[in-house]
């Protein structure tokens, strides 16, 4: 295998293509939306449902807080 092929597979290139702007998420919009859901569902801070609402990562665990009828776990 040629060194250029290995560099390409490793993602190492010597041609600079310019800086790219960082496009992160707007945490203000996300926080406002979660607080709205918290008020609508009557979820109290510190409860199991509150932790599920605020600490669920939609890309990894699924958007539990956006499912219809989200009530959390019954005890």
N, C-alpha and C. Protein backbone atom coordinates (compact mmCIF):
# COMPACT_ATOMS: atom_id res chain seq x y z
N UNK A 1 0.85 -1.17 0.00
CA UNK A 1 0.00 0.00 0.00
C UNK A 1 0.90 1.25 0.00
N UNK A 2 0.53 2.21 -0.78
CA UNK A 2 1.30 3.45 -0.87
C UNK A 2 1.03 4.32 0.36
N UNK A 3 2.00 5.17 0.68
CA UNK A 3 1.86 6.07 1.84
C UNK A 3 0.69 7.04 1.63
N UNK A 4 0.46 7.46 0.40
CA UNK A 4 -0.65 8.38 0.13
C UNK A 4 -2.00 7.70 0.39
N UNK A 5 -2.10 6.41 0.08
CA UNK A 5 -3.33 5.67 0.36
C UNK A 5 -3.56 5.55 1.87
N UNK A 6 -2.50 5.27 2.61
CA UNK A 6 -2.61 5.17 4.07
C UNK A 6 -3.00 6.50 4.68
N UNK A 7 -2.41 7.60 4.20
CA UNK A 7 -2.76 8.93 4.72
C UNK A 7 -4.22 9.25 4.43
N UNK A 8 -4.70 8.88 3.26
CA UNK A 8 -6.09 9.14 2.90
C UNK A 8 -7.03 8.35 3.81
N UNK A 9 -6.72 7.09 4.07
CA UNK A 9 -7.55 6.26 4.95
C UNK A 9 -7.53 6.77 6.39
N UNK A 10 -6.40 7.33 6.81
CA UNK A 10 -6.27 7.84 8.17
C UNK A 10 -6.85 9.24 8.32
N UNK A 11 -7.23 9.85 7.21
CA UNK A 11 -7.79 11.19 7.28
C UNK A 11 -6.73 12.27 7.35
N UNK A 12 -5.52 11.93 7.00
CA UNK A 12 -4.41 12.88 7.02
C UNK A 12 -4.22 13.42 5.61
N UNK A 13 -4.43 14.70 5.44
CA UNK A 13 -4.22 15.32 4.13
C UNK A 13 -3.35 16.55 4.30
N UNK A 14 -2.64 16.88 3.30
CA UNK A 14 -1.76 18.05 3.35
C UNK A 14 -2.35 19.25 2.64
N UNK A 15 -3.55 19.14 2.14
CA UNK A 15 -4.16 20.27 1.45
C UNK A 15 -5.17 20.96 2.38
N UNK A 16 -4.81 22.17 2.81
CA UNK A 16 -5.67 22.96 3.70
C UNK A 16 -6.82 23.53 2.91
N UNK A 17 -8.05 23.31 3.37
CA UNK A 17 -9.22 23.77 2.64
C UNK A 17 -9.92 24.93 3.33
N UNK A 18 -9.27 25.55 4.28
CA UNK A 18 -9.84 26.71 4.97
C UNK A 18 -10.55 26.31 6.25
N UNK A 19 -10.79 27.31 7.07
CA UNK A 19 -11.47 27.08 8.33
C UNK A 19 -12.97 26.94 8.10
N UNK A 20 -13.59 26.13 8.91
CA UNK A 20 -15.03 25.94 8.83
C UNK A 20 -15.66 26.48 10.11
N UNK A 21 -16.77 27.15 9.94
CA UNK A 21 -17.46 27.74 11.08
C UNK A 21 -18.05 26.64 11.96
N UNK A 22 -17.97 26.83 13.28
CA UNK A 22 -18.55 25.88 14.22
C UNK A 22 -20.05 26.14 14.33
N UNK A 23 -20.84 25.11 14.15
CA UNK A 23 -22.29 25.25 14.24
C UNK A 23 -22.82 24.37 15.37
N UNK A 24 -22.70 24.85 16.58
CA UNK A 24 -23.18 24.11 17.74
C UNK A 24 -24.67 24.34 17.95
N UNK A 25 -25.22 23.67 18.93
CA UNK A 25 -26.64 23.83 19.22
C UNK A 25 -26.83 25.07 20.10
N UNK A 26 -27.99 25.65 20.02
CA UNK A 26 -28.32 26.81 20.83
C UNK A 26 -28.96 26.30 22.12
N UNK A 27 -28.20 26.32 23.21
CA UNK A 27 -28.69 25.74 24.46
C UNK A 27 -29.83 26.54 25.06
N UNK A 28 -29.95 27.81 24.69
CA UNK A 28 -31.04 28.62 25.20
C UNK A 28 -32.38 28.12 24.67
N UNK A 29 -32.42 27.80 23.39
CA UNK A 29 -33.67 27.29 22.79
C UNK A 29 -34.00 25.92 23.37
N UNK A 30 -33.00 25.07 23.50
CA UNK A 30 -33.22 23.74 24.05
C UNK A 30 -33.72 23.81 25.49
N UNK A 31 -33.10 24.66 26.30
CA UNK A 31 -33.51 24.79 27.70
C UNK A 31 -34.91 25.34 27.85
N UNK A 32 -35.26 26.31 27.01
CA UNK A 32 -36.60 26.89 27.04
C UNK A 32 -37.65 25.84 26.69
N UNK A 33 -37.35 25.02 25.69
CA UNK A 33 -38.28 23.97 25.28
C UNK A 33 -38.47 22.94 26.40
N UNK A 34 -37.37 22.54 27.05
CA UNK A 34 -37.48 21.55 28.14
C UNK A 34 -38.25 22.12 29.32
N UNK A 35 -38.04 23.39 29.62
CA UNK A 35 -38.77 24.03 30.73
C UNK A 35 -40.26 24.10 30.42
N UNK A 36 -40.62 24.37 29.15
CA UNK A 36 -42.02 24.39 28.74
C UNK A 36 -42.66 23.02 28.94
N UNK A 37 -41.95 21.97 28.53
CA UNK A 37 -42.46 20.60 28.70
C UNK A 37 -42.61 20.29 30.19
N UNK A 38 -41.64 20.73 30.99
CA UNK A 38 -41.68 20.51 32.44
C UNK A 38 -42.93 21.14 33.05
N UNK A 39 -43.24 22.37 32.64
CA UNK A 39 -44.44 23.04 33.17
C UNK A 39 -45.72 22.36 32.71
N UNK A 40 -45.78 21.99 31.42
CA UNK A 40 -46.99 21.36 30.89
C UNK A 40 -47.29 20.02 31.57
N UNK A 41 -46.25 19.23 31.81
CA UNK A 41 -46.44 17.90 32.40
C UNK A 41 -46.49 17.94 33.93
N UNK A 42 -46.16 19.10 34.53
CA UNK A 42 -46.17 19.22 35.98
C UNK A 42 -45.05 18.44 36.65
N UNK A 43 -43.90 18.39 36.00
CA UNK A 43 -42.77 17.63 36.52
C UNK A 43 -42.01 18.49 37.52
N UNK A 44 -41.77 17.94 38.70
CA UNK A 44 -41.05 18.65 39.76
C UNK A 44 -39.55 18.42 39.64
N UNK A 45 -38.74 19.46 39.85
CA UNK A 45 -37.27 19.29 39.81
C UNK A 45 -36.78 18.29 40.84
N UNK A 46 -35.85 17.44 40.43
CA UNK A 46 -35.25 16.45 41.32
C UNK A 46 -35.90 15.09 41.27
N UNK A 47 -37.07 14.98 40.65
CA UNK A 47 -37.74 13.68 40.56
C UNK A 47 -37.13 12.86 39.42
N UNK A 48 -37.48 11.58 39.37
CA UNK A 48 -36.99 10.71 38.31
C UNK A 48 -37.40 11.22 36.93
N UNK A 49 -38.66 11.67 36.83
CA UNK A 49 -39.14 12.19 35.55
C UNK A 49 -38.36 13.43 35.12
N UNK A 50 -38.01 14.28 36.08
CA UNK A 50 -37.25 15.49 35.77
C UNK A 50 -35.88 15.13 35.21
N UNK A 51 -35.20 14.17 35.82
CA UNK A 51 -33.90 13.75 35.33
C UNK A 51 -34.01 13.13 33.94
N UNK A 52 -35.05 12.36 33.70
CA UNK A 52 -35.24 11.78 32.37
C UNK A 52 -35.47 12.86 31.33
N UNK A 53 -36.23 13.89 31.69
CA UNK A 53 -36.52 14.97 30.77
C UNK A 53 -35.26 15.77 30.43
N UNK A 54 -34.52 16.16 31.44
CA UNK A 54 -33.38 17.06 31.23
C UNK A 54 -32.11 16.36 30.78
N UNK A 55 -31.94 15.09 31.10
CA UNK A 55 -30.67 14.43 30.81
C UNK A 55 -30.77 13.33 29.77
N UNK A 56 -31.88 13.25 29.04
CA UNK A 56 -32.01 12.33 27.93
C UNK A 56 -31.33 12.96 26.72
N UNK A 57 -30.46 12.20 26.07
CA UNK A 57 -29.77 12.69 24.88
C UNK A 57 -30.48 12.09 23.66
N UNK A 58 -31.22 12.92 22.89
CA UNK A 58 -32.00 12.39 21.78
C UNK A 58 -31.19 11.58 20.78
N UNK A 59 -29.96 11.96 20.49
CA UNK A 59 -29.16 11.23 19.53
C UNK A 59 -28.68 9.88 20.02
N UNK A 60 -28.66 9.67 21.34
CA UNK A 60 -28.13 8.42 21.89
C UNK A 60 -29.21 7.54 22.50
N UNK A 61 -30.09 8.11 23.30
CA UNK A 61 -31.07 7.30 24.02
C UNK A 61 -32.48 7.45 23.51
N UNK A 62 -32.71 8.35 22.60
CA UNK A 62 -34.05 8.57 22.08
C UNK A 62 -34.74 9.70 22.79
N UNK A 63 -35.56 10.44 22.08
CA UNK A 63 -36.22 11.60 22.68
C UNK A 63 -37.42 11.20 23.54
N UNK A 64 -37.18 10.76 24.75
CA UNK A 64 -38.27 10.36 25.65
C UNK A 64 -39.22 11.52 25.91
N UNK A 65 -38.66 12.73 26.01
CA UNK A 65 -39.49 13.87 26.37
C UNK A 65 -40.39 14.33 25.24
N UNK A 66 -40.24 13.78 24.04
CA UNK A 66 -41.08 14.20 22.92
C UNK A 66 -42.09 13.13 22.54
N UNK A 67 -42.09 12.02 23.24
CA UNK A 67 -43.07 10.98 22.95
C UNK A 67 -44.41 11.41 23.52
N UNK A 68 -45.50 11.13 22.80
CA UNK A 68 -46.81 11.50 23.33
C UNK A 68 -47.11 10.75 24.62
N UNK A 69 -47.59 11.46 25.61
CA UNK A 69 -47.97 10.83 26.87
C UNK A 69 -46.80 10.46 27.75
N UNK A 70 -45.68 11.15 27.62
CA UNK A 70 -44.52 10.86 28.46
C UNK A 70 -44.88 11.05 29.92
N UNK A 71 -44.75 9.98 30.68
CA UNK A 71 -45.07 10.05 32.11
C UNK A 71 -43.95 9.52 32.97
N UNK A 72 -42.92 8.96 32.36
CA UNK A 72 -41.84 8.41 33.15
C UNK A 72 -42.17 7.01 33.64
N UNK A 73 -41.42 6.56 34.60
CA UNK A 73 -41.55 5.22 35.12
C UNK A 73 -42.48 5.19 36.32
N UNK A 74 -43.41 4.25 36.34
CA UNK A 74 -44.33 4.14 37.46
C UNK A 74 -43.71 3.28 38.54
N UNK A 75 -43.97 3.64 39.77
CA UNK A 75 -43.40 2.91 40.91
C UNK A 75 -44.45 2.05 41.54
